[in-house]
PDB file of all heavy atoms in Angstrom:
ATOM      1  N   ILE A   1      -0.894   0.791   8.155  1.00  0.00           N
ATOM      2  CA  ILE A   1      -0.405   1.073   6.809  1.00  0.00           C
ATOM      3  C   ILE A   1      -1.284   2.010   6.094  1.00  0.00           C
ATOM      4  O   ILE A   1      -0.884   3.014   5.511  1.00  0.00           O
ATOM      5  CB  ILE A   1      -0.303  -0.262   5.954  1.00  0.00           C
ATOM      6  CG1 ILE A   1       0.875  -1.076   6.581  1.00  0.00           C
ATOM      7  CG2 ILE A   1      -0.087   0.026   4.491  1.00  0.00           C
ATOM      8  CD1 ILE A   1       0.905  -2.512   5.928  1.00  0.00           C
ATOM      9  N   ARG A   2      -2.664   1.819   6.241  1.00  0.00           N
ATOM     10  CA  ARG A   2      -3.579   2.771   5.602  1.00  0.00           C
ATOM     11  C   ARG A   2      -3.447   4.149   6.160  1.00  0.00           C
ATOM     12  O   ARG A   2      -3.524   5.197   5.507  1.00  0.00           O
ATOM     13  CB  ARG A   2      -5.056   2.252   5.725  1.00  0.00           C
ATOM     14  CG  ARG A   2      -5.308   1.148   4.819  1.00  0.00           C
ATOM     15  CD  ARG A   2      -6.857   0.801   4.807  1.00  0.00           C
ATOM     16  NE  ARG A   2      -7.284   0.289   6.064  1.00  0.00           N
ATOM     17  CZ  ARG A   2      -7.263  -1.039   6.290  1.00  0.00           C
ATOM     18  NH1 ARG A   2      -6.931  -1.927   5.484  1.00  0.00           N
ATOM     19  NH2 ARG A   2      -7.784  -1.432   7.465  1.00  0.00           N
ATOM     20  N   ARG A   3      -3.316   4.230   7.484  1.00  0.00           N
ATOM     21  CA  ARG A   3      -3.174   5.538   8.222  1.00  0.00           C
ATOM     22  C   ARG A   3      -2.004   6.285   7.784  1.00  0.00           C
ATOM     23  O   ARG A   3      -2.069   7.483   7.409  1.00  0.00           O
ATOM     24  CB  ARG A   3      -3.184   5.308   9.733  1.00  0.00           C
ATOM     25  CG  ARG A   3      -3.072   6.592  10.533  1.00  0.00           C
ATOM     26  CD  ARG A   3      -3.338   6.333  12.027  1.00  0.00           C
ATOM     27  NE  ARG A   3      -2.393   5.307  12.584  1.00  0.00           N
ATOM     28  CZ  ARG A   3      -1.194   5.610  13.130  1.00  0.00           C
ATOM     29  NH1 ARG A   3      -0.789   6.825  13.156  1.00  0.00           N
ATOM     30  NH2 ARG A   3      -0.465   4.637  13.547  1.00  0.00           N
ATOM     31  N   PHE A   4      -0.844   5.629   7.783  1.00  0.00           N
ATOM     32  CA  PHE A   4       0.379   6.333   7.369  1.00  0.00           C
ATOM     33  C   PHE A   4       0.347   6.709   5.867  1.00  0.00           C
ATOM     34  O   PHE A   4       0.844   7.780   5.460  1.00  0.00           O
ATOM     35  CB  PHE A   4       1.629   5.414   7.648  1.00  0.00           C
ATOM     36  CG  PHE A   4       2.066   5.476   9.087  1.00  0.00           C
ATOM     37  CD1 PHE A   4       1.888   4.374   9.937  1.00  0.00           C
ATOM     38  CD2 PHE A   4       2.687   6.642   9.607  1.00  0.00           C
ATOM     39  CE1 PHE A   4       2.299   4.415  11.244  1.00  0.00           C
ATOM     40  CE2 PHE A   4       3.089   6.620  10.930  1.00  0.00           C
ATOM     41  CZ  PHE A   4       2.912   5.555  11.762  1.00  0.00           C
ATOM     42  N   ARG A   5      -0.176   5.843   5.064  1.00  0.00           N
ATOM     43  CA  ARG A   5      -0.298   6.135   3.553  1.00  0.00           C
ATOM     44  C   ARG A   5      -1.243   7.337   3.381  1.00  0.00           C
ATOM     45  O   ARG A   5      -0.849   8.254   2.647  1.00  0.00           O
ATOM     46  CB  ARG A   5      -0.838   4.952   2.877  1.00  0.00           C
ATOM     47  CG  ARG A   5      -0.895   5.113   1.342  1.00  0.00           C
ATOM     48  CD  ARG A   5      -1.295   3.809   0.672  1.00  0.00           C
ATOM     49  NE  ARG A   5      -2.605   3.436   0.940  1.00  0.00           N
ATOM     50  CZ  ARG A   5      -3.730   3.963   0.436  1.00  0.00           C
ATOM     51  NH1 ARG A   5      -3.619   4.921  -0.421  1.00  0.00           N
ATOM     52  NH2 ARG A   5      -4.919   3.401   0.782  1.00  0.00           N
ATOM     53  N   ALA A   6      -2.281   7.430   4.150  1.00  0.00           N
ATOM     54  CA  ALA A   6      -3.258   8.539   3.974  1.00  0.00           C
ATOM     55  C   ALA A   6      -2.563   9.811   4.538  1.00  0.00           C
ATOM     56  O   ALA A   6      -2.720  10.860   3.834  1.00  0.00           O
ATOM     57  CB  ALA A   6      -4.542   8.241   4.822  1.00  0.00           C
ATOM     58  N   ARG A   7      -1.795   9.728   5.564  1.00  0.00           N
ATOM     59  CA  ARG A   7      -1.104  10.943   6.038  1.00  0.00           C
ATOM     60  C   ARG A   7      -0.219  11.540   4.997  1.00  0.00           C
ATOM     61  O   ARG A   7       0.009  12.750   4.896  1.00  0.00           O
ATOM     62  CB  ARG A   7      -0.248  10.602   7.241  1.00  0.00           C
ATOM     63  CG  ARG A   7      -0.678  11.222   8.489  1.00  0.00           C
ATOM     64  CD  ARG A   7       0.306  10.926   9.610  1.00  0.00           C
ATOM     65  NE  ARG A   7      -0.482  10.462  10.810  1.00  0.00           N
ATOM     66  CZ  ARG A   7       0.015   9.895  11.836  1.00  0.00           C
ATOM     67  NH1 ARG A   7       1.297   9.705  11.971  1.00  0.00           N
ATOM     68  NH2 ARG A   7      -0.807   9.581  12.808  1.00  0.00           N
ATOM     69  N   ARG A   8       0.442  10.595   4.253  1.00  0.00           N
ATOM     70  CA  ARG A   8       1.430  11.091   3.208  1.00  0.00           C
ATOM     71  C   ARG A   8       0.665  11.424   1.892  1.00  0.00           C
ATOM     72  O   ARG A   8       1.312  11.884   0.965  1.00  0.00           O
ATOM     73  CB  ARG A   8       2.485  10.018   2.962  1.00  0.00           C
ATOM     74  CG  ARG A   8       3.365   9.805   4.215  1.00  0.00           C
ATOM     75  CD  ARG A   8       4.469   8.966   3.949  1.00  0.00           C
ATOM     76  NE  ARG A   8       5.194   9.104   2.735  1.00  0.00           N
ATOM     77  CZ  ARG A   8       6.038  10.143   2.401  1.00  0.00           C
ATOM     78  NH1 ARG A   8       6.274  11.105   3.324  1.00  0.00           N
ATOM     79  NH2 ARG A   8       6.647  10.231   1.272  1.00  0.00           N
ATOM     80  N   GLY A   9      -0.626  11.090   1.806  1.00  0.00           N
ATOM     81  CA  GLY A   9      -1.374  11.365   0.585  1.00  0.00           C
ATOM     82  C   GLY A   9      -0.999  10.522  -0.573  1.00  0.00           C
ATOM     83  O   GLY A   9      -1.096  10.921  -1.702  1.00  0.00           O
ATOM     84  N   GLN A  10      -0.476   9.244  -0.245  1.00  0.00           N
ATOM     85  CA  GLN A  10      -0.068   8.331  -1.317  1.00  0.00           C
ATOM     86  C   GLN A  10      -1.201   7.438  -1.729  1.00  0.00           C
ATOM     87  O   GLN A  10      -1.982   6.980  -0.872  1.00  0.00           O
ATOM     88  CB  GLN A  10       1.052   7.470  -0.792  1.00  0.00           C
ATOM     89  CG  GLN A  10       2.411   8.132  -0.534  1.00  0.00           C
ATOM     90  CD  GLN A  10       3.379   7.156  -0.007  1.00  0.00           C
ATOM     91  OE1 GLN A  10       3.100   6.501   1.027  1.00  0.00           O
ATOM     92  NE2 GLN A  10       4.542   7.091  -0.621  1.00  0.00           N
ATOM     93  N   ASN A  11      -1.236   7.101  -2.982  1.00  0.00           N
ATOM     94  CA  ASN A  11      -2.105   6.041  -3.473  1.00  0.00           C
ATOM     95  C   ASN A  11      -1.289   4.718  -3.456  1.00  0.00           C
ATOM     96  O   ASN A  11      -0.072   4.713  -3.182  1.00  0.00           O
ATOM     97  CB  ASN A  11      -2.804   6.377  -4.799  1.00  0.00           C
ATOM     98  CG  ASN A  11      -1.829   6.479  -5.930  1.00  0.00           C
ATOM     99  OD1 ASN A  11      -0.803   5.743  -5.988  1.00  0.00           O
ATOM    100  ND2 ASN A  11      -2.076   7.401  -6.797  1.00  0.00           N
ATOM    101  N   LEU A  12      -2.000   3.662  -3.700  1.00  0.00           N
ATOM    102  CA  LEU A  12      -1.301   2.338  -3.611  1.00  0.00           C
ATOM    103  C   LEU A  12      -0.178   2.258  -4.682  1.00  0.00           C
ATOM    104  O   LEU A  12       0.860   1.648  -4.398  1.00  0.00           O
ATOM    105  CB  LEU A  12      -2.304   1.199  -3.833  1.00  0.00           C
ATOM    106  CG  LEU A  12      -3.236   0.969  -2.640  1.00  0.00           C
ATOM    107  CD1 LEU A  12      -4.235  -0.192  -3.058  1.00  0.00           C
ATOM    108  CD2 LEU A  12      -2.506   0.649  -1.432  1.00  0.00           C
ATOM    109  N   GLU A  13      -0.431   2.718  -5.882  1.00  0.00           N
ATOM    110  CA  GLU A  13       0.607   2.665  -6.927  1.00  0.00           C
ATOM    111  C   GLU A  13       1.850   3.463  -6.492  1.00  0.00           C
ATOM    112  O   GLU A  13       2.987   2.970  -6.747  1.00  0.00           O
ATOM    113  CB  GLU A  13       0.051   3.281  -8.248  1.00  0.00           C
ATOM    114  CG  GLU A  13      -1.053   2.426  -8.921  1.00  0.00           C
ATOM    115  CD  GLU A  13      -2.418   2.684  -8.253  1.00  0.00           C
ATOM    116  OE1 GLU A  13      -2.609   3.594  -7.516  1.00  0.00           O
ATOM    117  OE2 GLU A  13      -3.303   1.843  -8.588  1.00  0.00           O
ATOM    118  N   GLU A  14       1.687   4.630  -5.915  1.00  0.00           N
ATOM    119  CA  GLU A  14       2.850   5.422  -5.444  1.00  0.00           C
ATOM    120  C   GLU A  14       3.613   4.670  -4.352  1.00  0.00           C
ATOM    121  O   GLU A  14       4.852   4.667  -4.348  1.00  0.00           O
ATOM    122  CB  GLU A  14       2.396   6.752  -5.002  1.00  0.00           C
ATOM    123  CG  GLU A  14       1.872   7.571  -6.075  1.00  0.00           C
ATOM    124  CD  GLU A  14       1.162   8.861  -5.503  1.00  0.00           C
ATOM    125  OE1 GLU A  14       0.579   8.873  -4.363  1.00  0.00           O
ATOM    126  OE2 GLU A  14       1.063   9.869  -6.319  1.00  0.00           O
ATOM    127  N   LEU A  15       2.861   4.111  -3.445  1.00  0.00           N
ATOM    128  CA  LEU A  15       3.502   3.347  -2.321  1.00  0.00           C
ATOM    129  C   LEU A  15       4.286   2.135  -2.913  1.00  0.00           C
ATOM    130  O   LEU A  15       5.381   1.860  -2.503  1.00  0.00           O
ATOM    131  CB  LEU A  15       2.519   2.951  -1.290  1.00  0.00           C
ATOM    132  CG  LEU A  15       2.983   2.203  -0.076  1.00  0.00           C
ATOM    133  CD1 LEU A  15       4.159   2.953   0.590  1.00  0.00           C
ATOM    134  CD2 LEU A  15       1.932   1.804   0.876  1.00  0.00           C
ATOM    135  N   ALA A  16       3.690   1.399  -3.813  1.00  0.00           N
ATOM    136  CA  ALA A  16       4.293   0.266  -4.462  1.00  0.00           C
ATOM    137  C   ALA A  16       5.612   0.733  -5.070  1.00  0.00           C
ATOM    138  O   ALA A  16       6.649   0.066  -4.942  1.00  0.00           O
ATOM    139  CB  ALA A  16       3.387  -0.407  -5.484  1.00  0.00           C
ATOM    140  N   GLU A  17       5.558   1.805  -5.833  1.00  0.00           N
ATOM    141  CA  GLU A  17       6.756   2.305  -6.570  1.00  0.00           C
ATOM    142  C   GLU A  17       7.813   2.711  -5.560  1.00  0.00           C
ATOM    143  O   GLU A  17       9.053   2.341  -5.751  1.00  0.00           O
ATOM    144  CB  GLU A  17       6.383   3.449  -7.438  1.00  0.00           C
ATOM    145  CG  GLU A  17       7.559   3.888  -8.298  1.00  0.00           C
ATOM    146  CD  GLU A  17       7.124   5.006  -9.312  1.00  0.00           C
ATOM    147  OE1 GLU A  17       6.135   4.877  -9.891  1.00  0.00           O
ATOM    148  OE2 GLU A  17       7.926   5.943  -9.447  1.00  0.00           O
ATOM    149  N   GLU A  18       7.471   3.440  -4.537  1.00  0.00           N
ATOM    150  CA  GLU A  18       8.468   3.929  -3.592  1.00  0.00           C
ATOM    151  C   GLU A  18       9.011   2.886  -2.653  1.00  0.00           C
ATOM    152  O   GLU A  18      10.240   2.865  -2.353  1.00  0.00           O
ATOM    153  CB  GLU A  18       7.853   5.064  -2.714  1.00  0.00           C
ATOM    154  CG  GLU A  18       8.862   5.722  -1.860  1.00  0.00           C
ATOM    155  CD  GLU A  18       8.321   6.991  -1.149  1.00  0.00           C
ATOM    156  OE1 GLU A  18       7.345   7.499  -1.525  1.00  0.00           O
ATOM    157  OE2 GLU A  18       8.941   7.328  -0.121  1.00  0.00           O
ATOM    158  N   SER A  19       8.211   1.875  -2.326  1.00  0.00           N
ATOM    159  CA  SER A  19       8.627   0.807  -1.359  1.00  0.00           C
ATOM    160  C   SER A  19       9.252  -0.383  -2.058  1.00  0.00           C
ATOM    161  O   SER A  19       9.960  -1.116  -1.456  1.00  0.00           O
ATOM    162  CB  SER A  19       7.417   0.350  -0.530  1.00  0.00           C
ATOM    163  OG  SER A  19       6.482  -0.313  -1.357  1.00  0.00           O
ATOM    164  N   GLY A  20       8.887  -0.655  -3.279  1.00  0.00           N
ATOM    165  CA  GLY A  20       9.272  -1.841  -3.954  1.00  0.00           C
ATOM    166  C   GLY A  20       8.472  -3.048  -3.574  1.00  0.00           C
ATOM    167  O   GLY A  20       8.748  -4.201  -3.987  1.00  0.00           O
ATOM    168  N   VAL A  21       7.383  -2.802  -2.813  1.00  0.00           N
ATOM    169  CA  VAL A  21       6.468  -3.934  -2.475  1.00  0.00           C
ATOM    170  C   VAL A  21       5.404  -3.928  -3.564  1.00  0.00           C
ATOM    171  O   VAL A  21       4.922  -2.925  -4.061  1.00  0.00           O
ATOM    172  CB  VAL A  21       5.779  -3.601  -1.102  1.00  0.00           C
ATOM    173  CG1 VAL A  21       4.692  -4.631  -0.814  1.00  0.00           C
ATOM    174  CG2 VAL A  21       6.802  -3.622   0.018  1.00  0.00           C
ATOM    175  N   SER A  22       5.099  -5.128  -4.038  1.00  0.00           N
ATOM    176  CA  SER A  22       4.191  -5.268  -5.239  1.00  0.00           C
ATOM    177  C   SER A  22       2.802  -4.607  -4.972  1.00  0.00           C
ATOM    178  O   SER A  22       2.351  -4.672  -3.835  1.00  0.00           O
ATOM    179  CB  SER A  22       4.049  -6.713  -5.587  1.00  0.00           C
ATOM    180  OG  SER A  22       3.229  -7.397  -4.732  1.00  0.00           O
ATOM    181  N   LEU A  23       2.212  -4.125  -6.019  1.00  0.00           N
ATOM    182  CA  LEU A  23       0.891  -3.538  -5.977  1.00  0.00           C
ATOM    183  C   LEU A  23      -0.055  -4.652  -5.490  1.00  0.00           C
ATOM    184  O   LEU A  23      -0.953  -4.388  -4.721  1.00  0.00           O
ATOM    185  CB  LEU A  23       0.507  -2.963  -7.339  1.00  0.00           C
ATOM    186  CG  LEU A  23      -0.863  -2.346  -7.368  1.00  0.00           C
ATOM    187  CD1 LEU A  23      -1.033  -1.215  -6.303  1.00  0.00           C
ATOM    188  CD2 LEU A  23      -1.109  -1.774  -8.790  1.00  0.00           C
ATOM    189  N   ASP A  24       0.069  -5.867  -5.982  1.00  0.00           N
ATOM    190  CA  ASP A  24      -0.763  -6.924  -5.578  1.00  0.00           C
ATOM    191  C   ASP A  24      -0.734  -7.207  -4.124  1.00  0.00           C
ATOM    192  O   ASP A  24      -1.804  -7.337  -3.460  1.00  0.00           O
ATOM    193  CB  ASP A  24      -0.363  -8.229  -6.401  1.00  0.00           C
ATOM    194  CG  ASP A  24      -1.282  -9.402  -6.055  1.00  0.00           C
ATOM    195  OD1 ASP A  24      -2.478  -9.209  -6.228  1.00  0.00           O
ATOM    196  OD2 ASP A  24      -0.751 -10.476  -5.672  1.00  0.00           O
ATOM    197  N   MET A  25       0.481  -7.161  -3.515  1.00  0.00           N
ATOM    198  CA  MET A  25       0.592  -7.346  -2.097  1.00  0.00           C
ATOM    199  C   MET A  25      -0.104  -6.234  -1.321  1.00  0.00           C
ATOM    200  O   MET A  25      -0.812  -6.427  -0.380  1.00  0.00           O
ATOM    201  CB  MET A  25       2.037  -7.516  -1.713  1.00  0.00           C
ATOM    202  CG  MET A  25       2.240  -7.880  -0.244  1.00  0.00           C
ATOM    203  SD  MET A  25       3.959  -8.059   0.194  1.00  0.00           S
ATOM    204  CE  MET A  25       4.329  -9.514  -0.715  1.00  0.00           C
ATOM    205  N   LEU A  26       0.085  -4.974  -1.810  1.00  0.00           N
ATOM    206  CA  LEU A  26      -0.532  -3.844  -1.165  1.00  0.00           C
ATOM    207  C   LEU A  26      -2.052  -3.903  -1.239  1.00  0.00           C
ATOM    208  O   LEU A  26      -2.755  -3.553  -0.273  1.00  0.00           O
ATOM    209  CB  LEU A  26      -0.041  -2.502  -1.680  1.00  0.00           C
ATOM    210  CG  LEU A  26       1.453  -2.271  -1.460  1.00  0.00           C
ATOM    211  CD1 LEU A  26       1.900  -0.941  -2.203  1.00  0.00           C
ATOM    212  CD2 LEU A  26       1.762  -2.078   0.019  1.00  0.00           C
ATOM    213  N   GLU A  27      -2.566  -4.341  -2.406  1.00  0.00           N
ATOM    214  CA  GLU A  27      -4.027  -4.467  -2.498  1.00  0.00           C
ATOM    215  C   GLU A  27      -4.542  -5.476  -1.549  1.00  0.00           C
ATOM    216  O   GLU A  27      -5.694  -5.321  -0.923  1.00  0.00           O
ATOM    217  CB  GLU A  27      -4.372  -4.786  -3.977  1.00  0.00           C
ATOM    218  CG  GLU A  27      -4.151  -3.661  -4.864  1.00  0.00           C
ATOM    219  CD  GLU A  27      -4.350  -4.034  -6.361  1.00  0.00           C
ATOM    220  OE1 GLU A  27      -4.231  -5.234  -6.675  1.00  0.00           O
ATOM    221  OE2 GLU A  27      -4.446  -3.116  -7.198  1.00  0.00           O
ATOM    222  N   GLN A  28      -3.849  -6.603  -1.296  1.00  0.00           N
ATOM    223  CA  GLN A  28      -4.231  -7.535  -0.294  1.00  0.00           C
ATOM    224  C   GLN A  28      -4.269  -7.012   1.056  1.00  0.00           C
ATOM    225  O   GLN A  28      -5.204  -7.220   1.882  1.00  0.00           O
ATOM    226  CB  GLN A  28      -3.326  -8.772  -0.379  1.00  0.00           C
ATOM    227  CG  GLN A  28      -3.570  -9.580  -1.653  1.00  0.00           C
ATOM    228  CD  GLN A  28      -2.549 -10.861  -1.639  1.00  0.00           C
ATOM    229  OE1 GLN A  28      -2.661 -11.601  -0.754  1.00  0.00           O
ATOM    230  NE2 GLN A  28      -1.771 -10.866  -2.641  1.00  0.00           N
ATOM    231  N   LEU A  29      -3.228  -6.192   1.417  1.00  0.00           N
ATOM    232  CA  LEU A  29      -3.201  -5.605   2.778  1.00  0.00           C
ATOM    233  C   LEU A  29      -4.323  -4.658   2.934  1.00  0.00           C
ATOM    234  O   LEU A  29      -4.913  -4.568   4.033  1.00  0.00           O
ATOM    235  CB  LEU A  29      -1.820  -4.916   2.896  1.00  0.00           C
ATOM    236  CG  LEU A  29      -0.602  -5.688   2.991  1.00  0.00           C
ATOM    237  CD1 LEU A  29       0.638  -4.882   2.930  1.00  0.00           C
ATOM    238  CD2 LEU A  29      -0.555  -6.600   4.248  1.00  0.00           C
ATOM    239  N   GLU A  30      -4.695  -3.881   1.843  1.00  0.00           N
ATOM    240  CA  GLU A  30      -5.848  -2.990   1.985  1.00  0.00           C
ATOM    241  C   GLU A  30      -7.128  -3.705   2.249  1.00  0.00           C
ATOM    242  O   GLU A  30      -8.055  -3.144   2.756  1.00  0.00           O
ATOM    243  CB  GLU A  30      -6.024  -2.208   0.678  1.00  0.00           C
ATOM    244  CG  GLU A  30      -4.900  -1.106   0.491  1.00  0.00           C
ATOM    245  CD  GLU A  30      -5.161   0.106   1.297  1.00  0.00           C
ATOM    246  OE1 GLU A  30      -6.337   0.599   1.340  1.00  0.00           O
ATOM    247  OE2 GLU A  30      -4.271   0.655   1.909  1.00  0.00           O
ATOM    248  N   GLN A  31      -7.222  -5.011   1.826  1.00  0.00           N
ATOM    249  CA  GLN A  31      -8.427  -5.788   1.951  1.00  0.00           C
ATOM    250  C   GLN A  31      -8.272  -6.657   3.320  1.00  0.00           C
ATOM    251  O   GLN A  31      -9.007  -7.576   3.504  1.00  0.00           O
ATOM    252  CB  GLN A  31      -8.573  -6.709   0.806  1.00  0.00           C
ATOM    253  CG  GLN A  31      -8.859  -6.010  -0.460  1.00  0.00           C
ATOM    254  CD  GLN A  31      -8.790  -6.927  -1.701  1.00  0.00           C
ATOM    255  OE1 GLN A  31      -8.837  -8.174  -1.563  1.00  0.00           O
ATOM    256  NE2 GLN A  31      -8.661  -6.321  -2.864  1.00  0.00           N
ATOM    257  N   ASN A  32      -7.340  -6.278   4.176  1.00  0.00           N
ATOM    258  CA  ASN A  32      -7.094  -6.967   5.445  1.00  0.00           C
ATOM    259  C   ASN A  32      -6.718  -8.474   5.268  1.00  0.00           C
ATOM    260  O   ASN A  32      -7.130  -9.320   5.982  1.00  0.00           O
ATOM    261  CB  ASN A  32      -8.289  -6.835   6.387  1.00  0.00           C
ATOM    262  CG  ASN A  32      -8.438  -5.389   6.887  1.00  0.00           C
ATOM    263  OD1 ASN A  32      -7.656  -4.589   6.630  1.00  0.00           O
ATOM    264  ND2 ASN A  32      -9.562  -5.163   7.545  1.00  0.00           N
ATOM    265  N   ILE A  33      -5.964  -8.711   4.227  1.00  0.00           N
ATOM    266  CA  ILE A  33      -5.418 -10.038   3.931  1.00  0.00           C
ATOM    267  C   ILE A  33      -3.940  -9.993   4.080  1.00  0.00           C
ATOM    268  O   ILE A  33      -3.322  -9.159   3.397  1.00  0.00           O
ATOM    269  CB  ILE A  33      -5.852 -10.540   2.516  1.00  0.00           C
ATOM    270  CG1 ILE A  33      -7.368 -10.550   2.334  1.00  0.00           C
ATOM    271  CG2 ILE A  33      -5.168 -11.849   2.190  1.00  0.00           C
ATOM    272  CD1 ILE A  33      -7.836 -10.707   0.970  1.00  0.00           C
ATOM    273  N   LEU A  34      -3.377 -10.852   4.860  1.00  0.00           N
ATOM    274  CA  LEU A  34      -1.936 -10.891   4.981  1.00  0.00           C
ATOM    275  C   LEU A  34      -1.365 -11.848   3.944  1.00  0.00           C
ATOM    276  O   LEU A  34      -1.657 -13.072   3.991  1.00  0.00           O
ATOM    277  CB  LEU A  34      -1.519 -11.375   6.409  1.00  0.00           C
ATOM    278  CG  LEU A  34      -0.056 -11.340   6.747  1.00  0.00           C
ATOM    279  CD1 LEU A  34       0.522  -9.950   6.614  1.00  0.00           C
ATOM    280  CD2 LEU A  34       0.279 -11.917   8.079  1.00  0.00           C
ATOM    281  N   PRO A  35      -0.720 -11.363   2.928  1.00  0.00           N
ATOM    282  CA  PRO A  35      -0.180 -12.262   1.923  1.00  0.00           C
ATOM    283  C   PRO A  35       0.732 -13.265   2.370  1.00  0.00           C
ATOM    284  O   PRO A  35       1.626 -12.974   3.232  1.00  0.00           O
ATOM    285  CB  PRO A  35       0.516 -11.274   0.953  1.00  0.00           C
ATOM    286  CG  PRO A  35       0.040  -9.951   1.256  1.00  0.00           C
ATOM    287  CD  PRO A  35      -0.371  -9.972   2.722  1.00  0.00           C
TER     288      PRO A  35
END
């Protein structure tokens, strides 16, 4: 997830908006936590 996001130059807020996945969930994934 981090690799593909970095490739696209997206920050977490942009990915949350585009995917509909909550920012809170994405922040957990970034911390290697499976919500």
